[in-house]
């Protein structure tokens, strides 16, 4: 018996193979540290927005402008990192789904 791809045991009851899925299992996304930097930057940006509003309410226009620039930069960088990681992960899943062709029995 020859197969075209890697050697694999055939399924006995035509059940789907749930042990090797490309999708994340429950809890994997929370434990994944890839998004940590982006989430921290978004958090810093949101905190800086609050600080900017407080500084502007006190009347320090120069410091408020500086804090607004820092908040904008942190929010843009954090969002960009999160979007980049999501796009990278989707591309990786598509590549792995193309590579996992079922064996011809």
PDB file of N, CA and C in Angstrom:
ATOM      1  N   UNK A   1       0.840  -1.156   0.000  1.00  0.00           N
ATOM      2  CA  UNK A   1       0.000   0.000   0.000  1.00  0.00           C
ATOM      3  C   UNK A   1       0.895   1.233   0.000  1.00  0.00           C
ATOM      4  N   UNK A   2       0.700   2.122  -0.955  1.00  0.00           N
ATOM      5  CA  UNK A   2       1.530   3.325  -1.082  1.00  0.00           C
ATOM      6  C   UNK A   2       0.656   4.564  -0.919  1.00  0.00           C
ATOM      7  N   UNK A   3       1.249   5.570  -0.353  1.00  0.00           N
ATOM      8  CA  UNK A   3       0.528   6.844  -0.221  1.00  0.00           C
ATOM      9  C   UNK A   3       1.364   7.938  -0.866  1.00  0.00           C
ATOM     10  N   UNK A   4       0.690   9.011  -1.261  1.00  0.00           N
ATOM     11  CA  UNK A   4       1.389  10.103  -1.929  1.00  0.00           C
ATOM     12  C   UNK A   4       2.123  11.002  -0.954  1.00  0.00           C
ATOM     13  N   UNK A   5       1.643  11.135   0.242  1.00  0.00           N
ATOM     14  CA  UNK A   5       2.246  12.052   1.206  1.00  0.00           C
ATOM     15  C   UNK A   5       2.948  11.304   2.312  1.00  0.00           C
ATOM     16  N   UNK A   6       3.011  11.931   3.471  1.00  0.00           N
ATOM     17  CA  UNK A   6       3.637  11.319   4.630  1.00  0.00           C
ATOM     18  C   UNK A   6       2.794  10.139   5.115  1.00  0.00           C
ATOM     19  N   UNK A   7       3.432   9.199   5.762  1.00  0.00           N
ATOM     20  CA  UNK A   7       2.737   8.018   6.246  1.00  0.00           C
ATOM     21  C   UNK A   7       1.791   8.418   7.354  1.00  0.00           C
ATOM     22  N   UNK A   8       0.566   7.913   7.292  1.00  0.00           N
ATOM     23  CA  UNK A   8      -0.450   8.255   8.276  1.00  0.00           C
ATOM     24  C   UNK A   8      -1.393   7.080   8.448  1.00  0.00           C
ATOM     25  N   UNK A   9      -1.860   6.884   9.674  1.00  0.00           N
ATOM     26  CA  UNK A   9      -2.816   5.826   9.951  1.00  0.00           C
ATOM     27  C   UNK A   9      -4.182   6.275   9.445  1.00  0.00           C
ATOM     28  N   UNK A  10      -4.890   5.456   8.675  1.00  0.00           N
ATOM     29  CA  UNK A  10      -6.186   5.881   8.160  1.00  0.00           C
ATOM     30  C   UNK A  10      -7.234   5.928   9.268  1.00  0.00           C
ATOM     31  N   UNK A  11      -8.187   6.842   9.161  1.00  0.00           N
ATOM     32  CA  UNK A  11      -9.252   6.880  10.174  1.00  0.00           C
ATOM     33  C   UNK A  11     -10.124   5.633  10.051  1.00  0.00           C
ATOM     34  N   UNK A  12     -10.551   5.120  11.182  1.00  0.00           N
ATOM     35  CA  UNK A  12     -11.322   3.881  11.187  1.00  0.00           C
ATOM     36  C   UNK A  12     -12.811   4.111  10.975  1.00  0.00           C
ATOM     37  N   UNK A  13     -13.319   5.255  11.372  1.00  0.00           N
ATOM     38  CA  UNK A  13     -14.759   5.467  11.305  1.00  0.00           C
ATOM     39  C   UNK A  13     -15.132   6.752  10.561  1.00  0.00           C
ATOM     40  N   UNK A  14     -14.254   7.275   9.744  1.00  0.00           N
ATOM     41  CA  UNK A  14     -14.468   8.503   8.992  1.00  0.00           C
ATOM     42  C   UNK A  14     -14.811   9.690   9.884  1.00  0.00           C
ATOM     43  N   UNK A  15     -14.353   9.658  11.124  1.00  0.00           N
ATOM     44  CA  UNK A  15     -14.581  10.772  12.053  1.00  0.00           C
ATOM     45  C   UNK A  15     -13.563  11.880  11.771  1.00  0.00           C
ATOM     46  N   UNK A  16     -13.922  13.132  12.009  1.00  0.00           N
ATOM     47  CA  UNK A  16     -12.958  14.203  11.791  1.00  0.00           C
ATOM     48  C   UNK A  16     -11.821  14.112  12.807  1.00  0.00           C
ATOM     49  N   UNK A  17     -10.661  14.536  12.379  1.00  0.00           N
ATOM     50  CA  UNK A  17      -9.487  14.497  13.234  1.00  0.00           C
ATOM     51  C   UNK A  17      -9.469  15.758  14.089  1.00  0.00           C
ATOM     52  N   UNK A  18      -9.951  15.654  15.332  1.00  0.00           N
ATOM     53  CA  UNK A  18     -10.028  16.825  16.194  1.00  0.00           C
ATOM     54  C   UNK A  18      -8.750  17.033  16.991  1.00  0.00           C
ATOM     55  N   UNK A  19      -7.836  16.103  16.934  1.00  0.00           N
ATOM     56  CA  UNK A  19      -6.605  16.245  17.702  1.00  0.00           C
ATOM     57  C   UNK A  19      -5.633  17.207  17.030  1.00  0.00           C
ATOM     58  N   UNK A  20      -5.721  17.371  15.720  1.00  0.00           N
ATOM     59  CA  UNK A  20      -4.772  18.220  14.995  1.00  0.00           C
ATOM     60  C   UNK A  20      -5.524  19.258  14.169  1.00  0.00           C
ATOM     61  N   UNK A  21      -6.080  20.242  14.826  1.00  0.00           N
ATOM     62  CA  UNK A  21      -6.780  21.299  14.110  1.00  0.00           C
ATOM     63  C   UNK A  21      -5.883  22.520  14.013  1.00  0.00           C
ATOM     64  N   UNK A  22      -6.122  23.348  13.010  1.00  0.00           N
ATOM     65  CA  UNK A  22      -5.345  24.573  12.842  1.00  0.00           C
ATOM     66  C   UNK A  22      -5.888  25.696  13.714  1.00  0.00           C
ATOM     67  N   UNK A  23      -7.111  25.577  14.199  1.00  0.00           N
ATOM     68  CA  UNK A  23      -7.714  26.614  15.019  1.00  0.00           C
ATOM     69  C   UNK A  23      -7.214  26.514  16.457  1.00  0.00           C
ATOM     70  N   UNK A  24      -7.156  27.640  17.149  1.00  0.00           N
ATOM     71  CA  UNK A  24      -6.705  27.579  18.546  1.00  0.00           C
ATOM     72  C   UNK A  24      -7.733  26.897  19.433  1.00  0.00           C
ATOM     73  N   UNK A  25      -7.247  26.151  20.389  1.00  0.00           N
ATOM     74  CA  UNK A  25      -8.126  25.503  21.352  1.00  0.00           C
ATOM     75  C   UNK A  25      -8.540  26.520  22.412  1.00  0.00           C
ATOM     76  N   UNK A  26      -9.590  26.237  23.151  1.00  0.00           N
ATOM     77  CA  UNK A  26     -10.026  27.185  24.180  1.00  0.00           C
ATOM     78  C   UNK A  26      -8.912  27.459  25.194  1.00  0.00           C
ATOM     79  N   UNK A  27      -8.646  28.721  25.415  1.00  0.00           N
ATOM     80  CA  UNK A  27      -7.613  29.126  26.363  1.00  0.00           C
ATOM     81  C   UNK A  27      -6.268  29.398  25.738  1.00  0.00           C
ATOM     82  N   UNK A  28      -6.007  28.926  24.532  1.00  0.00           N
ATOM     83  CA  UNK A  28      -4.710  29.153  23.911  1.00  0.00           C
ATOM     84  C   UNK A  28      -4.479  30.620  23.587  1.00  0.00           C
ATOM     85  N   UNK A  29      -5.521  31.323  23.185  1.00  0.00           N
ATOM     86  CA  UNK A  29      -5.372  32.728  22.826  1.00  0.00           C
ATOM     87  C   UNK A  29      -5.010  33.559  24.057  1.00  0.00           C
ATOM     88  N   UNK A  30      -5.586  33.223  25.190  1.00  0.00           N
ATOM     89  CA  UNK A  30      -5.273  33.971  26.411  1.00  0.00           C
ATOM     90  C   UNK A  30      -3.846  33.690  26.878  1.00  0.00           C
ATOM     91  N   UNK A  31      -3.368  32.481  26.680  1.00  0.00           N
ATOM     92  CA  UNK A  31      -2.037  32.124  27.137  1.00  0.00           C
ATOM     93  C   UNK A  31      -0.961  32.504  26.131  1.00  0.00           C
ATOM     94  N   UNK A  32      -1.354  32.900  24.940  1.00  0.00           N
ATOM     95  CA  UNK A  32      -0.394  33.237  23.905  1.00  0.00           C
ATOM     96  C   UNK A  32       0.235  34.596  24.204  1.00  0.00           C
ATOM     97  N   UNK A  33       1.547  34.653  24.226  1.00  0.00           N
ATOM     98  CA  UNK A  33       2.248  35.890  24.568  1.00  0.00           C
ATOM     99  C   UNK A  33       2.562  36.744  23.346  1.00  0.00           C
ATOM    100  N   UNK A  34       2.169  36.321  22.148  1.00  0.00           N
ATOM    101  CA  UNK A  34       2.500  37.094  20.947  1.00  0.00           C
ATOM    102  C   UNK A  34       1.814  38.454  20.933  1.00  0.00           C
ATOM    103  N   UNK A  35       0.615  38.534  21.479  1.00  0.00           N
ATOM    104  CA  UNK A  35      -0.130  39.786  21.458  1.00  0.00           C
ATOM    105  C   UNK A  35       0.191  40.680  22.648  1.00  0.00           C
ATOM    106  N   UNK A  36       1.066  40.263  23.521  1.00  0.00           N
ATOM    107  CA  UNK A  36       1.335  40.999  24.758  1.00  0.00           C
ATOM    108  C   UNK A  36       1.823  42.415  24.531  1.00  0.00           C
ATOM    109  N   UNK A  37       2.767  42.606  23.642  1.00  0.00           N
ATOM    110  CA  UNK A  37       3.330  43.932  23.406  1.00  0.00           C
ATOM    111  C   UNK A  37       2.272  44.866  22.824  1.00  0.00           C
ATOM    112  N   UNK A  38       1.492  44.382  21.884  1.00  0.00           N
ATOM    113  CA  UNK A  38       0.441  45.207  21.304  1.00  0.00           C
ATOM    114  C   UNK A  38      -0.613  45.591  22.323  1.00  0.00           C
ATOM    115  N   UNK A  39      -1.008  44.642  23.170  1.00  0.00           N
ATOM    116  CA  UNK A  39      -2.002  44.937  24.198  1.00  0.00           C
ATOM    117  C   UNK A  39      -1.468  45.932  25.226  1.00  0.00           C
ATOM    118  N   UNK A  40      -0.197  45.812  25.580  1.00  0.00           N
ATOM    119  CA  UNK A  40       0.403  46.758  26.522  1.00  0.00           C
ATOM    120  C   UNK A  40       0.445  48.154  25.904  1.00  0.00           C
ATOM    121  N   UNK A  41       0.816  48.253  24.634  1.00  0.00           N
ATOM    122  CA  UNK A  41       0.854  49.563  23.986  1.00  0.00           C
ATOM    123  C   UNK A  41      -0.537  50.185  23.886  1.00  0.00           C
ATOM    124  N   UNK A  42      -1.548  49.404  23.595  1.00  0.00           N
ATOM    125  CA  UNK A  42      -2.912  49.937  23.563  1.00  0.00           C
ATOM    126  C   UNK A  42      -3.321  50.392  24.964  1.00  0.00           C
ATOM    127  N   UNK A  43      -2.960  49.646  25.982  1.00  0.00           N
ATOM    128  CA  UNK A  43      -3.258  50.046  27.361  1.00  0.00           C
ATOM    129  C   UNK A  43      -2.560  51.333  27.750  1.00  0.00           C
ATOM    130  N   UNK A  44      -1.284  51.453  27.379  1.00  0.00           N
ATOM    131  CA  UNK A  44      -0.548  52.693  27.651  1.00  0.00           C
ATOM    132  C   UNK A  44      -1.183  53.857  26.904  1.00  0.00           C
ATOM    133  N   UNK A  45      -1.611  53.623  25.678  1.00  0.00           N
ATOM    134  CA  UNK A  45      -2.261  54.679  24.906  1.00  0.00           C
ATOM    135  C   UNK A  45      -3.561  55.133  25.540  1.00  0.00           C
ATOM    136  N   UNK A  46      -4.377  54.188  26.003  1.00  0.00           N
ATOM    137  CA  UNK A  46      -5.634  54.550  26.651  1.00  0.00           C
ATOM    138  C   UNK A  46      -5.393  55.293  27.964  1.00  0.00           C
ATOM    139  N   UNK A  47      -4.408  54.849  28.726  1.00  0.00           N
ATOM    140  CA  UNK A  47      -4.062  55.543  29.967  1.00  0.00           C
ATOM    141  C   UNK A  47      -3.578  56.956  29.672  1.00  0.00           C
ATOM    142  N   UNK A  48      -2.792  57.110  28.627  1.00  0.00           N
ATOM    143  CA  UNK A  48      -2.271  58.423  28.270  1.00  0.00           C
ATOM    144  C   UNK A  48      -3.387  59.347  27.770  1.00  0.00           C
ATOM    145  N   UNK A  49      -4.413  58.785  27.142  1.00  0.00           N
ATOM    146  CA  UNK A  49      -5.563  59.612  26.746  1.00  0.00           C
ATOM    147  C   UNK A  49      -6.225  60.204  27.985  1.00  0.00           C
ATOM    148  N   UNK A  50      -6.390  59.405  29.031  1.00  0.00           N
ATOM    149  CA  UNK A  50      -6.991  59.888  30.268  1.00  0.00           C
ATOM    150  C   UNK A  50      -6.112  60.970  30.895  1.00  0.00           C
ATOM    151  N   UNK A  51      -4.803  60.739  30.897  1.00  0.00           N
ATOM    152  CA  UNK A  51      -3.873  61.731  31.438  1.00  0.00           C
ATOM    153  C   UNK A  51      -3.919  63.009  30.605  1.00  0.00           C
ATOM    154  N   UNK A  52      -4.042  62.874  29.297  1.00  0.00           N
ATOM    155  CA  UNK A  52      -4.121  64.041  28.419  1.00  0.00           C
ATOM    156  C   UNK A  52      -5.351  64.884  28.741  1.00  0.00           C
ATOM    157  N   UNK A  53      -6.468  64.220  28.961  1.00  0.00           N
ATOM    158  CA  UNK A  53      -7.691  64.953  29.296  1.00  0.00           C
ATOM    159  C   UNK A  53      -7.529  65.674  30.640  1.00  0.00           C
ATOM    160  N   UNK A  54      -6.911  65.022  31.608  1.00  0.00           N
ATOM    161  CA  UNK A  54      -6.700  65.653  32.912  1.00  0.00           C
ATOM    162  C   UNK A  54      -5.750  66.844  32.800  1.00  0.00           C
ATOM    163  N   UNK A  55      -4.687  66.710  32.029  1.00  0.00           N
ATOM    164  CA  UNK A  55      -3.730  67.802  31.863  1.00  0.00           C
ATOM    165  C   UNK A  55      -4.377  68.969  31.128  1.00  0.00           C
ATOM    166  N   UNK A  56      -5.183  68.663  30.117  1.00  0.00           N
ATOM    167  CA  UNK A  56      -5.862  69.726  29.377  1.00  0.00           C
ATOM    168  C   UNK A  56      -6.867  70.442  30.269  1.00  0.00           C
ATOM    169  N   UNK A  57      -7.505  69.721  31.190  1.00  0.00           N
ATOM    170  CA  UNK A  57      -8.462  70.344  32.104  1.00  0.00           C
ATOM    171  C   UNK A  57      -7.760  71.285  33.076  1.00  0.00           C
ATOM    172  N   UNK A  58      -6.507  71.004  33.382  1.00  0.00           N
ATOM    173  CA  UNK A  58      -5.745  71.877  34.284  1.00  0.00           C
ATOM    174  C   UNK A  58      -5.230  73.117  33.562  1.00  0.00           C
ATOM    175  N   UNK A  59      -5.216  73.091  32.236  1.00  0.00           N
ATOM    176  CA  UNK A  59      -4.821  74.272  31.485  1.00  0.00           C
ATOM    177  C   UNK A  59      -3.403  74.257  30.946  1.00  0.00           C
ATOM    178  N   UNK A  60      -2.663  73.181  31.096  1.00  0.00           N
ATOM    179  CA  UNK A  60      -1.300  73.101  30.575  1.00  0.00           C
ATOM    180  C   UNK A  60      -1.364  72.625  29.122  1.00  0.00           C
ATOM    181  N   UNK A  61      -1.465  73.559  28.191  1.00  0.00           N
ATOM    182  CA  UNK A  61      -1.687  73.212  26.784  1.00  0.00           C
ATOM    183  C   UNK A  61      -0.492  72.509  26.151  1.00  0.00           C
ATOM    184  N   UNK A  62       0.700  72.943  26.469  1.00  0.00           N
ATOM    185  CA  UNK A  62       1.894  72.322  25.885  1.00  0.00           C
ATOM    186  C   UNK A  62       2.043  70.870  26.302  1.00  0.00           C
ATOM    187  N   UNK A  63       1.860  70.605  27.592  1.00  0.00           N
ATOM    188  CA  UNK A  63       1.966  69.239  28.086  1.00  0.00           C
ATOM    189  C   UNK A  63       0.822  68.375  27.566  1.00  0.00           C
ATOM    190  N   UNK A  64      -0.343  68.978  27.412  1.00  0.00           N
ATOM    191  CA  UNK A  64      -1.490  68.226  26.882  1.00  0.00           C
ATOM    192  C   UNK A  64      -1.232  67.811  25.436  1.00  0.00           C
ATOM    193  N   UNK A  65      -0.632  68.698  24.663  1.00  0.00           N
ATOM    194  CA  UNK A  65      -0.310  68.358  23.273  1.00  0.00           C
ATOM    195  C   UNK A  65       0.732  67.240  23.215  1.00  0.00           C
ATOM    196  N   UNK A  66       1.746  67.334  24.067  1.00  0.00           N
ATOM    197  CA  UNK A  66       2.766  66.284  24.115  1.00  0.00           C
ATOM    198  C   UNK A  66       2.149  64.939  24.506  1.00  0.00           C
ATOM    199  N   UNK A  67       1.288  64.943  25.525  1.00  0.00           N
ATOM    200  CA  UNK A  67       0.652  63.699  25.962  1.00  0.00           C
ATOM    201  C   UNK A  67      -0.270  63.148  24.881  1.00  0.00           C
ATOM    202  N   UNK A  68      -0.921  64.035  24.119  1.00  0.00           N
ATOM    203  CA  UNK A  68      -1.795  63.576  23.034  1.00  0.00           C
ATOM    204  C   UNK A  68      -0.979  62.902  21.929  1.00  0.00           C
ATOM    205  N   UNK A  69       0.194  63.437  21.633  1.00  0.00           N
ATOM    206  CA  UNK A  69       1.059  62.819  20.615  1.00  0.00           C
ATOM    207  C   UNK A  69       1.539  61.448  21.098  1.00  0.00           C
ATOM    208  N   UNK A  70       1.916  61.357  22.364  1.00  0.00           N
ATOM    209  CA  UNK A  70       2.349  60.069  22.926  1.00  0.00           C
ATOM    210  C   UNK A  70       1.195  59.061  22.901  1.00  0.00           C
ATOM    211  N   UNK A  71      -0.004  59.514  23.258  1.00  0.00           N
ATOM    212  CA  UNK A  71      -1.169  58.622  23.257  1.00  0.00           C
ATOM    213  C   UNK A  71      -1.472  58.132  21.850  1.00  0.00           C
ATOM    214  N   UNK A  72      -1.435  59.037  20.884  1.00  0.00           N
ATOM    215  CA  UNK A  72      -1.695  58.643  19.496  1.00  0.00           C
ATOM    216  C   UNK A  72      -0.670  57.657  18.978  1.00  0.00           C
ATOM    217  N   UNK A  73       0.600  57.912  19.295  1.00  0.00           N
ATOM    218  CA  UNK A  73       1.660  57.006  18.837  1.00  0.00           C
ATOM    219  C   UNK A  73       1.514  55.625  19.467  1.00  0.00           C
ATOM    220  N   UNK A  74       1.215  55.575  20.762  1.00  0.00           N
ATOM    221  CA  UNK A  74       1.065  54.283  21.444  1.00  0.00           C
ATOM    222  C   UNK A  74      -0.138  53.522  20.907  1.00  0.00           C
ATOM    223  N   UNK A  75      -1.253  54.232  20.693  1.00  0.00           N
ATOM    224  CA  UNK A  75      -2.438  53.550  20.164  1.00  0.00           C
ATOM    225  C   UNK A  75      -2.211  53.043  18.744  1.00  0.00           C
ATOM    226  N   UNK A  76      -1.576  53.839  17.910  1.00  0.00           N
ATOM    227  CA  UNK A  76      -1.303  53.399  16.535  1.00  0.00           C
ATOM    228  C   UNK A  76      -0.324  52.225  16.500  1.00  0.00           C
ATOM    229  N   UNK A  77       0.727  52.310  17.295  1.00  0.00           N
ATOM    230  CA  UNK A  77       1.709  51.222  17.314  1.00  0.00           C
ATOM    231  C   UNK A  77       1.092  49.931  17.853  1.00  0.00           C
ATOM    232  N   UNK A  78       0.327  50.028  18.935  1.00  0.00           N
ATOM    233  CA  UNK A  78      -0.299  48.836  19.515  1.00  0.00           C
ATOM    234  C   UNK A  78      -1.300  48.202  18.577  1.00  0.00           C
ATOM    235  N   UNK A  79      -2.136  49.034  17.957  1.00  0.00           N
ATOM    236  CA  UNK A  79      -3.122  48.507  17.012  1.00  0.00           C
ATOM    237  C   UNK A  79      -2.431  47.897  15.801  1.00  0.00           C
ATOM    238  N   UNK A  80      -1.379  48.550  15.336  1.00  0.00           N
ATOM    239  CA  UNK A  80      -0.629  48.008  14.201  1.00  0.00           C
ATOM    240  C   UNK A  80      -0.007  46.656  14.511  1.00  0.00           C
ATOM    241  N   UNK A  81       0.558  46.519  15.701  1.00  0.00           N
ATOM    242  CA  UNK A  81       1.144  45.233  16.088  1.00  0.00           C
ATOM    243  C   UNK A  81       0.085  44.141  16.196  1.00  0.00           C
ATOM    244  N   UNK A  82      -1.066  44.475  16.766  1.00  0.00           N
ATOM    245  CA  UNK A  82      -2.137  43.477  16.882  1.00  0.00           C
ATOM    246  C   UNK A  82      -2.646  43.045  15.506  1.00  0.00           C
ATOM    247  N   UNK A  83      -2.827  44.001  14.604  1.00  0.00           N
ATOM    248  CA  UNK A  83      -3.286  43.662  13.256  1.00  0.00           C
ATOM    249  C   UNK A  83      -2.237  42.863  12.487  1.00  0.00           C
ATOM    250  N   UNK A  84      -0.968  43.228  12.647  1.00  0.00           N
ATOM    251  CA  UNK A  84       0.106  42.491  11.981  1.00  0.00           C
ATOM    252  C   UNK A  84       0.164  41.050  12.471  1.00  0.00           C
ATOM    253  N   UNK A  85       0.033  40.854  13.768  1.00  0.00           N
ATOM    254  CA  UNK A  85       0.093  39.497  14.314  1.00  0.00           C
ATOM    255  C   UNK A  85      -1.101  38.672  13.862  1.00  0.00           C
ATOM    256  N   UNK A  86      -2.280  39.287  13.794  1.00  0.00           N
ATOM    257  CA  UNK A  86      -3.462  38.569  13.316  1.00  0.00           C
ATOM    258  C   UNK A  86      -3.299  38.161  11.864  1.00  0.00           C
ATOM    259  N   UNK A  87      -2.795  39.083  11.031  1.00  0.00           N
ATOM    260  CA  UNK A  87      -2.590  38.772   9.619  1.00  0.00           C
ATOM    261  C   UNK A  87      -1.542  37.681   9.448  1.00  0.00           C
ATOM    262  N   UNK A  88      -0.500  37.752  10.252  1.00  0.00           N
ATOM    263  CA  UNK A  88       0.562  36.747  10.187  1.00  0.00           C
ATOM    264  C   UNK A  88       0.030  35.375  10.594  1.00  0.00           C
ATOM    265  N   UNK A  89      -0.796  35.327  11.641  1.00  0.00           N
ATOM    266  CA  UNK A  89      -1.341  34.049  12.101  1.00  0.00           C
ATOM    267  C   UNK A  89      -2.303  33.452  11.080  1.00  0.00           C
ATOM    268  N   UNK A  90      -3.151  34.306  10.446  1.00  0.00           N
ATOM    269  CA  UNK A  90      -4.068  33.795   9.422  1.00  0.00           C
ATOM    270  C   UNK A  90      -3.306  33.241   8.223  1.00  0.00           C
ATOM    271  N   UNK A  91      -2.239  33.913   7.819  1.00  0.00           N
ATOM    272  CA  UNK A  91      -1.420  33.416   6.711  1.00  0.00           C
ATOM    273  C   UNK A  91      -0.753  32.095   7.082  1.00  0.00           C
ATOM    274  N   UNK A  92      -0.326  31.979   8.327  1.00  0.00           N
ATOM    275  CA  UNK A  92       0.305  30.728   8.775  1.00  0.00           C
ATOM    276  C   UNK A  92      -0.707  29.585   8.786  1.00  0.00           C
ATOM    277  N   UNK A  93      -1.946  29.864   9.190  1.00  0.00           N
ATOM    278  CA  UNK A  93      -2.971  28.830   9.181  1.00  0.00           C
ATOM    279  C   UNK A  93      -3.313  28.406   7.762  1.00  0.00           C
ATOM    280  N   UNK A  94      -3.348  29.353   6.838  1.00  0.00           N
ATOM    281  CA  UNK A  94      -3.629  28.999   5.447  1.00  0.00           C
ATOM    282  C   UNK A  94      -2.504  28.153   4.861  1.00  0.00           C
ATOM    283  N   UNK A  95      -1.261  28.502   5.192  1.00  0.00           N
ATOM    284  CA  UNK A  95      -0.135  27.690   4.704  1.00  0.00           C
ATOM    285  C   UNK A  95      -0.207  26.277   5.262  1.00  0.00           C
ATOM    286  N   UNK A  96      -0.550  26.154   6.549  1.00  0.00           N
ATOM    287  CA  UNK A  96      -0.597  24.819   7.145  1.00  0.00           C
ATOM    288  C   UNK A  96      -1.774  24.017   6.604  1.00  0.00           C
ATOM    289  N   UNK A  97      -2.871  24.689   6.241  1.00  0.00           N
ATOM    290  CA  UNK A  97      -4.001  23.941   5.685  1.00  0.00           C
ATOM    291  C   UNK A  97      -3.685  23.451   4.270  1.00  0.00           C
ATOM    292  N   UNK A  98      -2.865  24.201   3.531  1.00  0.00           N
ATOM    293  CA  UNK A  98      -2.460  23.741   2.211  1.00  0.00           C
ATOM    294  C   UNK A  98      -1.493  22.568   2.302  1.00  0.00           C
ATOM    295  N   UNK A  99      -0.652  22.583   3.327  1.00  0.00           N
ATOM    296  CA  UNK A  99       0.342  21.517   3.463  1.00  0.00           C
ATOM    297  C   UNK A  99      -0.283  20.212   3.949  1.00  0.00           C
ATOM    298  N   UNK A 100      -1.376  20.275   4.704  1.00  0.00           N
ATOM    299  CA  UNK A 100      -1.991  19.069   5.259  1.00  0.00           C
ATOM    300  C   UNK A 100      -3.020  18.522   4.290  1.00  0.00           C
ATOM    301  N   UNK A 101      -2.542  17.855   3.273  1.00  0.00           N
ATOM    302  CA  UNK A 101      -3.428  17.212   2.310  1.00  0.00           C
ATOM    303  C   UNK A 101      -3.757  15.818   2.833  1.00  0.00           C
ATOM    304  N   UNK A 102      -4.983  15.384   2.698  1.00  0.00           N
ATOM    305  CA  UNK A 102      -5.318  14.036   3.180  1.00  0.00           C
ATOM    306  C   UNK A 102      -4.600  12.972   2.346  1.00  0.00           C
ATOM    307  N   UNK A 103      -4.226  11.922   3.012  1.00  0.00           N
ATOM    308  CA  UNK A 103      -3.542  10.829   2.328  1.00  0.00           C
ATOM    309  C   UNK A 103      -4.521  10.099   1.418  1.00  0.00           C
ATOM    310  N   UNK A 104      -4.042   9.717   0.251  1.00  0.00           N
ATOM    311  CA  UNK A 104      -4.894   8.993  -0.703  1.00  0.00           C
ATOM    312  C   UNK A 104      -4.802   7.505  -0.370  1.00  0.00           C
ATOM    313  N   UNK A 105      -5.863   6.957   0.144  1.00  0.00           N
ATOM    314  CA  UNK A 105      -5.858   5.543   0.524  1.00  0.00           C
ATOM    315  C   UNK A 105      -6.400   4.700  -0.568  1.00  0.00           C
TER     316      UNK A 105
END
